Amino acid sequence: MNNMGFLVAAVAGAFISACGGGGDTGTVRQTATGFTVDGGLAQKGPLVLGSSVRVNELSGTSYMPAGTVYDVSVNDNLGGFSLKWINFGRQFLEITAQGYYFNELTGVPANDNITLHAKSDLTQDRLVNVNTLTSLASDRITALVTRSVNPLPFTAARAQAQREALAAFYIYNSADLMPQ
């Protein structure tokens, strides 16, 4: 395989692994005062132990930070982080993960630090994952849900933003890659 073919395969692989709502073990529960979430995954290659994760609750109308922020750390070398002790008072979250990651090609920690972003709707998601695809789609989701003419509901905006991000890399079979 030539270098360009390898690069396209690596990017496609990263997107495929980035799609979806996370592992089957995740759970979001609605409580009398909000939501609880088991946790999430931070992956580009997996972010390593000790990487930081910041979760902002978002306003449901402007999708801007509402003032409540939680800081946690990645607790393993697979990018996992726990949120079990948090009772989120709002449905929408913005997740930012920052740290070092395992290089997908070499399997060792990369020398570069990365920052990833995601938006989450706790009425729809099992985990609050943050990865390459969620980072590429994050700002577009906000633009689609807050536009003055025909704003989209969050779920539709996320699906459209992810399809657009995949299409930018000529990955047109997004229906095969992402759950509906």
N, C-alpha and C. Protein backbone atom coordinates (compact mmCIF):
# COMPACT_ATOMS: atom_id res chain seq x y z
N MET A 1 0.85 -1.17 0.00
CA MET A 1 0.00 0.00 0.00
C MET A 1 0.90 1.23 0.00
N ASN A 2 0.61 2.20 -0.87
CA ASN A 2 1.44 3.41 -0.90
C ASN A 2 1.12 4.31 0.29
N ASN A 3 1.94 5.35 0.48
CA ASN A 3 1.76 6.22 1.66
C ASN A 3 0.40 6.90 1.69
N MET A 4 -0.10 7.34 0.53
CA MET A 4 -1.40 8.01 0.49
C MET A 4 -2.51 7.03 0.85
N GLY A 5 -2.45 5.82 0.33
CA GLY A 5 -3.45 4.81 0.66
C GLY A 5 -3.44 4.47 2.14
N PHE A 6 -2.23 4.39 2.70
CA PHE A 6 -2.10 4.11 4.13
C PHE A 6 -2.68 5.25 4.96
N LEU A 7 -2.43 6.50 4.54
CA LEU A 7 -2.95 7.66 5.25
C LEU A 7 -4.48 7.66 5.22
N VAL A 8 -5.06 7.41 4.06
CA VAL A 8 -6.52 7.38 3.94
C VAL A 8 -7.09 6.27 4.81
N ALA A 9 -6.45 5.09 4.82
CA ALA A 9 -6.91 3.98 5.64
C ALA A 9 -6.82 4.34 7.13
N ALA A 10 -5.73 5.00 7.53
CA ALA A 10 -5.57 5.38 8.94
C ALA A 10 -6.62 6.40 9.36
N VAL A 11 -6.89 7.40 8.50
CA VAL A 11 -7.91 8.40 8.81
C VAL A 11 -9.29 7.75 8.89
N ALA A 12 -9.59 6.88 7.93
CA ALA A 12 -10.89 6.19 7.95
C ALA A 12 -11.03 5.34 9.20
N GLY A 13 -9.96 4.65 9.58
CA GLY A 13 -9.98 3.84 10.79
C GLY A 13 -10.22 4.68 12.02
N ALA A 14 -9.58 5.85 12.07
CA ALA A 14 -9.78 6.74 13.22
C ALA A 14 -11.23 7.21 13.30
N PHE A 15 -11.82 7.54 12.14
CA PHE A 15 -13.21 7.97 12.14
C PHE A 15 -14.15 6.84 12.52
N ILE A 16 -13.88 5.64 12.00
CA ILE A 16 -14.75 4.51 12.31
C ILE A 16 -14.73 4.25 13.81
N SER A 17 -13.53 4.27 14.40
CA SER A 17 -13.46 4.02 15.84
C SER A 17 -14.04 5.18 16.64
N ALA A 18 -14.11 6.36 16.04
CA ALA A 18 -14.61 7.53 16.74
C ALA A 18 -16.13 7.62 16.75
N CYS A 19 -16.79 6.91 15.86
CA CYS A 19 -18.24 7.04 15.73
C CYS A 19 -18.97 6.32 16.84
N GLY A 20 -20.21 6.68 17.01
CA GLY A 20 -21.07 5.96 17.94
C GLY A 20 -21.08 6.56 19.32
N GLY A 21 -21.87 5.96 20.17
CA GLY A 21 -22.07 6.47 21.51
C GLY A 21 -21.19 5.83 22.55
N GLY A 22 -20.20 5.07 22.13
CA GLY A 22 -19.29 4.49 23.10
C GLY A 22 -19.56 3.03 23.31
N GLY A 23 -18.97 2.48 24.34
CA GLY A 23 -19.13 1.07 24.66
C GLY A 23 -20.53 0.75 25.11
N ASP A 24 -20.84 -0.54 25.11
CA ASP A 24 -22.18 -0.98 25.48
C ASP A 24 -22.42 -0.92 26.98
N THR A 25 -21.39 -0.65 27.77
CA THR A 25 -21.55 -0.66 29.22
C THR A 25 -21.94 0.69 29.79
N GLY A 26 -21.98 1.72 28.98
CA GLY A 26 -22.28 3.05 29.48
C GLY A 26 -23.75 3.24 29.78
N THR A 27 -23.99 4.09 30.75
CA THR A 27 -25.37 4.35 31.15
C THR A 27 -25.53 5.82 31.52
N VAL A 28 -26.61 6.42 31.03
CA VAL A 28 -27.06 7.73 31.47
C VAL A 28 -28.40 7.50 32.14
N ARG A 29 -28.57 8.07 33.34
CA ARG A 29 -29.83 7.93 34.07
C ARG A 29 -30.38 9.32 34.37
N GLN A 30 -31.68 9.47 34.18
CA GLN A 30 -32.32 10.72 34.56
C GLN A 30 -32.72 10.61 36.02
N THR A 31 -32.39 11.65 36.80
CA THR A 31 -32.72 11.71 38.22
C THR A 31 -33.78 12.79 38.42
N ALA A 32 -34.23 12.95 39.63
CA ALA A 32 -35.21 14.00 39.93
C ALA A 32 -34.63 15.39 39.70
N THR A 33 -33.31 15.52 39.81
CA THR A 33 -32.68 16.84 39.68
C THR A 33 -31.76 16.97 38.47
N GLY A 34 -31.74 15.98 37.58
CA GLY A 34 -30.87 16.08 36.41
C GLY A 34 -30.53 14.73 35.83
N PHE A 35 -29.22 14.49 35.61
CA PHE A 35 -28.76 13.29 34.94
C PHE A 35 -27.48 12.80 35.61
N THR A 36 -27.29 11.48 35.62
CA THR A 36 -26.00 10.91 35.99
C THR A 36 -25.47 10.12 34.80
N VAL A 37 -24.15 10.08 34.68
CA VAL A 37 -23.48 9.42 33.56
C VAL A 37 -22.36 8.58 34.15
N ASP A 38 -22.24 7.34 33.67
CA ASP A 38 -21.14 6.50 34.16
C ASP A 38 -19.79 7.10 33.82
N GLY A 39 -19.62 7.56 32.58
CA GLY A 39 -18.33 8.10 32.18
C GLY A 39 -18.26 8.27 30.69
N GLY A 40 -17.04 8.17 30.16
CA GLY A 40 -16.85 8.35 28.74
C GLY A 40 -15.46 7.92 28.33
N LEU A 41 -15.18 8.14 27.05
CA LEU A 41 -13.88 7.82 26.48
C LEU A 41 -13.33 9.04 25.77
N ALA A 42 -12.03 9.26 25.91
CA ALA A 42 -11.33 10.33 25.20
C ALA A 42 -10.33 9.65 24.28
N GLN A 43 -10.58 9.75 22.97
CA GLN A 43 -9.76 9.01 22.02
C GLN A 43 -9.43 9.82 20.78
N LYS A 44 -8.20 9.83 20.44
CA LYS A 44 -7.67 10.19 19.12
C LYS A 44 -6.96 8.96 18.67
N GLY A 45 -5.92 8.52 19.31
CA GLY A 45 -5.57 7.25 19.87
C GLY A 45 -5.99 7.49 21.29
N PRO A 46 -6.15 6.49 22.12
CA PRO A 46 -6.62 6.76 23.47
C PRO A 46 -5.75 7.79 24.19
N LEU A 47 -6.39 8.76 24.85
CA LEU A 47 -5.63 9.67 25.70
C LEU A 47 -5.12 8.88 26.90
N VAL A 48 -3.92 9.22 27.34
CA VAL A 48 -3.26 8.42 28.38
C VAL A 48 -3.68 8.85 29.78
N LEU A 49 -3.40 7.98 30.72
CA LEU A 49 -3.67 8.19 32.13
C LEU A 49 -3.22 9.59 32.55
N GLY A 50 -4.10 10.31 33.24
CA GLY A 50 -3.78 11.63 33.74
C GLY A 50 -4.16 12.78 32.82
N SER A 51 -4.55 12.49 31.59
CA SER A 51 -5.02 13.57 30.70
C SER A 51 -6.25 14.22 31.34
N SER A 52 -6.48 15.48 31.03
CA SER A 52 -7.57 16.20 31.68
C SER A 52 -8.83 16.21 30.83
N VAL A 53 -9.97 16.19 31.52
CA VAL A 53 -11.28 16.27 30.87
C VAL A 53 -12.08 17.32 31.62
N ARG A 54 -12.62 18.27 30.89
CA ARG A 54 -13.47 19.32 31.46
C ARG A 54 -14.86 19.19 30.84
N VAL A 55 -15.86 19.18 31.70
CA VAL A 55 -17.25 19.07 31.25
C VAL A 55 -17.99 20.33 31.67
N ASN A 56 -18.52 21.05 30.69
CA ASN A 56 -19.34 22.24 30.92
C ASN A 56 -20.79 21.91 30.67
N GLU A 57 -21.66 22.27 31.59
CA GLU A 57 -23.09 22.19 31.30
C GLU A 57 -23.42 23.35 30.37
N LEU A 58 -24.28 23.08 29.38
CA LEU A 58 -24.65 24.10 28.40
C LEU A 58 -26.10 24.52 28.55
N SER A 59 -26.34 25.78 28.26
CA SER A 59 -27.71 26.30 28.20
C SER A 59 -28.43 25.59 27.06
N GLY A 60 -29.68 25.25 27.26
CA GLY A 60 -30.45 24.58 26.23
C GLY A 60 -30.96 25.48 25.14
N THR A 61 -30.74 26.78 25.25
CA THR A 61 -31.21 27.70 24.21
C THR A 61 -30.05 28.28 23.41
N SER A 62 -28.99 28.68 24.09
CA SER A 62 -27.85 29.27 23.38
C SER A 62 -26.73 28.26 23.15
N TYR A 63 -26.79 27.14 23.86
CA TYR A 63 -25.75 26.10 23.80
C TYR A 63 -24.38 26.67 24.18
N MET A 64 -24.40 27.66 25.05
CA MET A 64 -23.18 28.26 25.60
C MET A 64 -23.01 27.74 27.03
N PRO A 65 -21.78 27.76 27.56
CA PRO A 65 -21.57 27.30 28.94
C PRO A 65 -22.50 28.02 29.91
N ALA A 66 -23.12 27.23 30.78
CA ALA A 66 -24.09 27.76 31.74
C ALA A 66 -23.45 28.09 33.09
N GLY A 67 -22.16 27.87 33.24
CA GLY A 67 -21.46 28.24 34.46
C GLY A 67 -21.06 27.09 35.35
N THR A 68 -21.61 25.90 35.13
CA THR A 68 -21.25 24.75 35.95
C THR A 68 -20.22 23.92 35.20
N VAL A 69 -19.06 23.73 35.84
CA VAL A 69 -17.93 23.05 35.20
C VAL A 69 -17.42 21.95 36.12
N TYR A 70 -17.08 20.82 35.53
CA TYR A 70 -16.51 19.70 36.27
C TYR A 70 -15.19 19.30 35.61
N ASP A 71 -14.16 19.11 36.42
CA ASP A 71 -12.85 18.68 35.93
C ASP A 71 -12.54 17.29 36.46
N VAL A 72 -12.21 16.38 35.55
CA VAL A 72 -11.83 15.01 35.91
C VAL A 72 -10.58 14.65 35.12
N SER A 73 -10.02 13.49 35.42
CA SER A 73 -8.84 13.01 34.71
C SER A 73 -9.13 11.67 34.07
N VAL A 74 -8.43 11.41 32.97
CA VAL A 74 -8.47 10.08 32.36
C VAL A 74 -7.87 9.11 33.36
N ASN A 75 -8.56 8.00 33.64
CA ASN A 75 -8.13 7.11 34.70
C ASN A 75 -7.50 5.81 34.23
N ASP A 76 -7.23 5.69 32.92
CA ASP A 76 -6.53 4.52 32.40
C ASP A 76 -5.87 4.90 31.07
N ASN A 77 -5.14 4.00 30.48
CA ASN A 77 -4.47 4.28 29.21
C ASN A 77 -5.34 3.94 28.01
N LEU A 78 -6.63 3.74 28.23
CA LEU A 78 -7.58 3.51 27.16
C LEU A 78 -8.47 4.73 26.94
N GLY A 79 -8.20 5.83 27.63
CA GLY A 79 -8.95 7.06 27.47
C GLY A 79 -10.19 7.14 28.35
N GLY A 80 -10.40 6.19 29.23
CA GLY A 80 -11.61 6.17 30.06
C GLY A 80 -11.58 7.22 31.17
N PHE A 81 -12.73 7.81 31.44
CA PHE A 81 -12.87 8.73 32.56
C PHE A 81 -14.24 8.51 33.21
N SER A 82 -14.30 8.75 34.50
CA SER A 82 -15.52 8.50 35.26
C SER A 82 -16.21 9.81 35.61
N LEU A 83 -17.53 9.78 35.53
CA LEU A 83 -18.37 10.93 35.92
C LEU A 83 -19.45 10.50 36.91
N LYS A 84 -19.32 9.31 37.48
CA LYS A 84 -20.37 8.72 38.31
C LYS A 84 -20.78 9.59 39.49
N TRP A 85 -19.88 10.39 40.02
CA TRP A 85 -20.17 11.18 41.21
C TRP A 85 -20.87 12.51 40.90
N ILE A 86 -21.10 12.79 39.61
CA ILE A 86 -21.68 14.08 39.20
C ILE A 86 -23.17 13.92 38.90
N ASN A 87 -23.97 14.85 39.39
CA ASN A 87 -25.36 14.96 38.99
C ASN A 87 -25.48 16.20 38.12
N PHE A 88 -25.56 15.99 36.82
CA PHE A 88 -25.66 17.12 35.89
C PHE A 88 -27.05 17.71 35.94
N GLY A 89 -27.14 19.01 36.06
CA GLY A 89 -28.43 19.68 36.14
C GLY A 89 -28.99 20.06 34.79
N ARG A 90 -28.21 19.87 33.74
CA ARG A 90 -28.67 20.24 32.40
C ARG A 90 -28.49 19.08 31.43
N GLN A 91 -29.27 19.09 30.39
CA GLN A 91 -29.30 18.03 29.39
C GLN A 91 -28.11 18.07 28.45
N PHE A 92 -27.61 19.26 28.13
CA PHE A 92 -26.55 19.40 27.12
C PHE A 92 -25.21 19.68 27.79
N LEU A 93 -24.18 19.00 27.27
CA LEU A 93 -22.82 19.15 27.81
C LEU A 93 -21.84 19.44 26.69
N GLU A 94 -20.76 20.12 27.07
CA GLU A 94 -19.61 20.29 26.20
C GLU A 94 -18.43 19.64 26.92
N ILE A 95 -17.75 18.74 26.24
CA ILE A 95 -16.63 18.02 26.83
C ILE A 95 -15.36 18.44 26.11
N THR A 96 -14.32 18.76 26.89
CA THR A 96 -13.01 19.08 26.34
C THR A 96 -11.99 18.18 27.02
N ALA A 97 -11.26 17.43 26.22
CA ALA A 97 -10.22 16.55 26.74
C ALA A 97 -8.88 17.03 26.20
N GLN A 98 -7.88 17.05 27.07
CA GLN A 98 -6.55 17.51 26.65
C GLN A 98 -5.50 16.60 27.27
N GLY A 99 -4.53 16.23 26.46
CA GLY A 99 -3.44 15.42 26.98
C GLY A 99 -2.67 14.73 25.88
N TYR A 100 -1.88 13.76 26.29
CA TYR A 100 -1.10 12.97 25.35
C TYR A 100 -1.90 11.73 24.98
N TYR A 101 -1.60 11.16 23.84
CA TYR A 101 -2.36 10.03 23.33
C TYR A 101 -1.42 8.96 22.81
N PHE A 102 -1.94 7.74 22.69
CA PHE A 102 -1.16 6.67 22.09
C PHE A 102 -1.20 6.81 20.58
N ASN A 103 -0.04 6.79 19.96
CA ASN A 103 0.07 6.85 18.51
C ASN A 103 -0.50 5.55 17.93
N GLU A 104 -1.43 5.67 16.99
CA GLU A 104 -2.08 4.49 16.42
C GLU A 104 -1.12 3.62 15.63
N LEU A 105 -0.06 4.19 15.10
CA LEU A 105 0.87 3.44 14.27
C LEU A 105 1.97 2.76 15.07
N THR A 106 2.46 3.43 16.11
CA THR A 106 3.58 2.88 16.88
C THR A 106 3.14 2.21 18.17
N GLY A 107 1.97 2.56 18.69
CA GLY A 107 1.49 2.00 19.94
C GLY A 107 2.14 2.58 21.17
N VAL A 108 2.92 3.64 21.03
CA VAL A 108 3.55 4.30 22.17
C VAL A 108 2.97 5.70 22.31
N PRO A 109 3.08 6.30 23.50
CA PRO A 109 2.56 7.65 23.66
C PRO A 109 3.21 8.63 22.69
N ALA A 110 2.40 9.47 22.09
CA ALA A 110 2.90 10.48 21.16
C ALA A 110 3.58 11.59 21.94
N ASN A 111 4.45 12.32 21.28
CA ASN A 111 5.13 13.45 21.89
C ASN A 111 4.28 14.71 21.86
N ASP A 112 3.17 14.66 21.17
CA ASP A 112 2.31 15.83 20.99
C ASP A 112 1.11 15.78 21.92
N ASN A 113 0.73 16.95 22.39
CA ASN A 113 -0.45 17.14 23.21
C ASN A 113 -1.60 17.46 22.27
N ILE A 114 -2.79 16.97 22.57
CA ILE A 114 -3.95 17.22 21.71
C ILE A 114 -5.12 17.70 22.57
N THR A 115 -5.97 18.52 21.98
CA THR A 115 -7.21 18.94 22.62
C THR A 115 -8.37 18.51 21.74
N LEU A 116 -9.34 17.84 22.33
CA LEU A 116 -10.51 17.34 21.63
C LEU A 116 -11.77 17.93 22.26
N HIS A 117 -12.82 18.10 21.45
CA HIS A 117 -14.08 18.68 21.93
C HIS A 117 -15.25 17.79 21.52
N ALA A 118 -16.33 17.90 22.26
CA ALA A 118 -17.56 17.20 21.91
C ALA A 118 -18.75 17.90 22.53
N LYS A 119 -19.89 17.70 21.93
CA LYS A 119 -21.17 18.14 22.50
C LYS A 119 -21.98 16.88 22.76
N SER A 120 -22.75 16.87 23.83
CA SER A 120 -23.52 15.69 24.20
C SER A 120 -24.92 16.08 24.65
N ASP A 121 -25.88 15.24 24.35
CA ASP A 121 -27.26 15.38 24.79
C ASP A 121 -27.55 14.18 25.68
N LEU A 122 -27.71 14.41 26.97
CA LEU A 122 -27.86 13.31 27.91
C LEU A 122 -29.18 12.56 27.76
N THR A 123 -30.12 13.09 26.99
CA THR A 123 -31.34 12.32 26.73
C THR A 123 -31.12 11.32 25.60
N GLN A 124 -30.01 11.43 24.89
CA GLN A 124 -29.74 10.56 23.74
C GLN A 124 -28.51 9.66 23.90
N ASP A 125 -27.53 10.07 24.70
CA ASP A 125 -26.24 9.40 24.74
C ASP A 125 -26.12 8.42 25.91
N ARG A 126 -25.29 7.38 25.72
CA ARG A 126 -24.99 6.42 26.79
C ARG A 126 -23.75 6.84 27.56
N LEU A 127 -22.81 7.44 26.87
CA LEU A 127 -21.56 7.95 27.45
C LEU A 127 -21.31 9.33 26.88
N VAL A 128 -20.37 10.06 27.45
CA VAL A 128 -20.00 11.37 26.91
C VAL A 128 -18.60 11.26 26.31
N ASN A 129 -18.56 10.72 25.10
CA ASN A 129 -17.29 10.48 24.42
C ASN A 129 -16.79 11.73 23.73
N VAL A 130 -15.48 11.81 23.61
CA VAL A 130 -14.84 12.90 22.90
C VAL A 130 -13.74 12.28 22.04
N ASN A 131 -13.74 12.63 20.75
CA ASN A 131 -12.79 12.01 19.82
C ASN A 131 -12.59 12.90 18.60
N THR A 132 -11.92 12.38 17.60
CA THR A 132 -11.62 13.17 16.40
C THR A 132 -12.90 13.64 15.71
N LEU A 133 -13.84 12.74 15.50
CA LEU A 133 -15.07 13.11 14.80
C LEU A 133 -15.88 14.13 15.60
N THR A 134 -16.00 13.93 16.92
CA THR A 134 -16.78 14.88 17.72
C THR A 134 -16.12 16.26 17.71
N SER A 135 -14.79 16.28 17.63
CA SER A 135 -14.08 17.56 17.57
C SER A 135 -14.36 18.30 16.27
N LEU A 136 -14.34 17.55 15.17
CA LEU A 136 -14.60 18.17 13.87
C LEU A 136 -16.04 18.66 13.76
N ALA A 137 -16.96 18.00 14.46
CA ALA A 137 -18.39 18.34 14.36
C ALA A 137 -18.86 19.35 15.40
N SER A 138 -18.11 19.57 16.47
CA SER A 138 -18.57 20.32 17.63
C SER A 138 -19.06 21.74 17.31
N ASP A 139 -18.23 22.54 16.67
CA ASP A 139 -18.64 23.91 16.36
C ASP A 139 -19.79 23.96 15.36
N ARG A 140 -19.79 23.00 14.43
CA ARG A 140 -20.86 22.96 13.43
C ARG A 140 -22.20 22.64 14.10
N ILE A 141 -22.19 21.76 15.10
CA ILE A 141 -23.43 21.45 15.83
C ILE A 141 -24.00 22.73 16.42
N THR A 142 -23.14 23.50 17.10
CA THR A 142 -23.60 24.75 17.71
C THR A 142 -24.18 25.69 16.66
N ALA A 143 -23.51 25.79 15.51
CA ALA A 143 -24.01 26.66 14.44
C ALA A 143 -25.38 26.21 13.95
N LEU A 144 -25.58 24.91 13.82
CA LEU A 144 -26.85 24.40 13.30
C LEU A 144 -28.00 24.54 14.30
N VAL A 145 -27.73 24.39 15.59
CA VAL A 145 -28.81 24.48 16.58
C VAL A 145 -29.15 25.91 16.96
N THR A 146 -28.23 26.85 16.70
CA THR A 146 -28.46 28.23 17.10
C THR A 146 -28.72 29.18 15.93
N ARG A 147 -28.74 28.66 14.71
CA ARG A 147 -28.96 29.56 13.57
C ARG A 147 -30.34 30.19 13.66
N SER A 148 -30.46 31.40 13.14
CA SER A 148 -31.71 32.15 13.31
C SER A 148 -32.83 31.63 12.41
N VAL A 149 -32.49 31.04 11.28
CA VAL A 149 -33.50 30.51 10.37
C VAL A 149 -33.42 28.98 10.38
N ASN A 150 -34.52 28.34 10.68
CA ASN A 150 -34.61 26.88 10.71
C ASN A 150 -33.53 26.20 11.55
N PRO A 151 -33.43 26.53 12.83
CA PRO A 151 -32.46 25.82 13.66
C PRO A 151 -32.85 24.34 13.75
N LEU A 152 -31.84 23.48 13.79
CA LEU A 152 -32.09 22.04 13.87
C LEU A 152 -32.14 21.59 15.33
N PRO A 153 -32.91 20.56 15.61
CA PRO A 153 -32.81 19.94 16.94
C PRO A 153 -31.40 19.36 17.11
N PHE A 154 -30.95 19.21 18.34
CA PHE A 154 -29.59 18.79 18.61
C PHE A 154 -29.21 17.50 17.90
N THR A 155 -30.04 16.47 17.99
CA THR A 155 -29.72 15.17 17.40
C THR A 155 -29.55 15.27 15.89
N ALA A 156 -30.42 16.01 15.23
CA ALA A 156 -30.30 16.19 13.78
C ALA A 156 -29.06 17.01 13.44
N ALA A 157 -28.77 18.02 14.24
CA ALA A 157 -27.58 18.84 14.00
C ALA A 157 -26.31 18.01 14.14
N ARG A 158 -26.27 17.16 15.17
CA ARG A 158 -25.08 16.32 15.35
C ARG A 158 -24.91 15.36 14.19
N ALA A 159 -25.99 14.72 13.76
CA ALA A 159 -25.90 13.78 12.64
C ALA A 159 -25.43 14.50 11.37
N GLN A 160 -25.98 15.68 11.10
CA GLN A 160 -25.57 16.43 9.91
C GLN A 160 -24.11 16.86 10.01
N ALA A 161 -23.70 17.38 11.16
CA ALA A 161 -22.31 17.83 11.33
C ALA A 161 -21.33 16.67 11.17
N GLN A 162 -21.67 15.50 11.69
CA GLN A 162 -20.78 14.34 11.54
C GLN A 162 -20.73 13.87 10.09
N ARG A 163 -21.87 13.86 9.40
CA ARG A 163 -21.87 13.49 7.97
C ARG A 163 -21.00 14.46 7.18
N GLU A 164 -21.12 15.76 7.47
CA GLU A 164 -20.32 16.76 6.75
C GLU A 164 -18.83 16.56 7.01
N ALA A 165 -18.46 16.26 8.26
CA ALA A 165 -17.05 16.04 8.59
C ALA A 165 -16.51 14.82 7.85
N LEU A 166 -17.27 13.75 7.84
CA LEU A 166 -16.85 12.55 7.12
C LEU A 166 -16.74 12.81 5.62
N ALA A 167 -17.71 13.54 5.06
CA ALA A 167 -17.69 13.84 3.63
C ALA A 167 -16.47 14.69 3.26
N ALA A 168 -16.01 15.54 4.17
CA ALA A 168 -14.83 16.36 3.90
C ALA A 168 -13.59 15.48 3.65
N PHE A 169 -13.62 14.26 4.19
CA PHE A 169 -12.53 13.30 3.98
C PHE A 169 -12.93 12.24 2.95
N TYR A 170 -13.99 12.52 2.19
CA TYR A 170 -14.48 11.63 1.14
C TYR A 170 -14.92 10.27 1.71
N ILE A 171 -15.47 10.28 2.90
CA ILE A 171 -16.05 9.09 3.50
C ILE A 171 -17.56 9.28 3.41
N TYR A 172 -18.15 8.67 2.38
CA TYR A 172 -19.56 8.91 2.10
C TYR A 172 -20.49 7.83 2.62
N ASN A 173 -19.96 6.79 3.22
CA ASN A 173 -20.82 5.73 3.74
C ASN A 173 -21.07 5.92 5.22
N SER A 174 -21.33 7.15 5.63
CA SER A 174 -21.50 7.44 7.05
C SER A 174 -22.65 6.65 7.67
N ALA A 175 -23.67 6.31 6.89
CA ALA A 175 -24.78 5.52 7.43
C ALA A 175 -24.30 4.15 7.87
N ASP A 176 -23.27 3.61 7.21
CA ASP A 176 -22.71 2.32 7.60
C ASP A 176 -21.84 2.44 8.84
N LEU A 177 -21.29 3.63 9.10
CA LEU A 177 -20.34 3.82 10.18
C LEU A 177 -20.98 4.29 11.47
N MET A 178 -22.05 5.05 11.37
CA MET A 178 -22.64 5.69 12.56
C MET A 178 -24.03 5.13 12.82
N PRO A 179 -24.33 4.89 14.10
CA PRO A 179 -25.68 4.43 14.43
C PRO A 179 -26.69 5.52 14.14
N GLN A 180 -27.88 5.13 13.80
CA GLN A 180 -28.94 6.11 13.51
C GLN A 180 -29.70 6.47 14.74
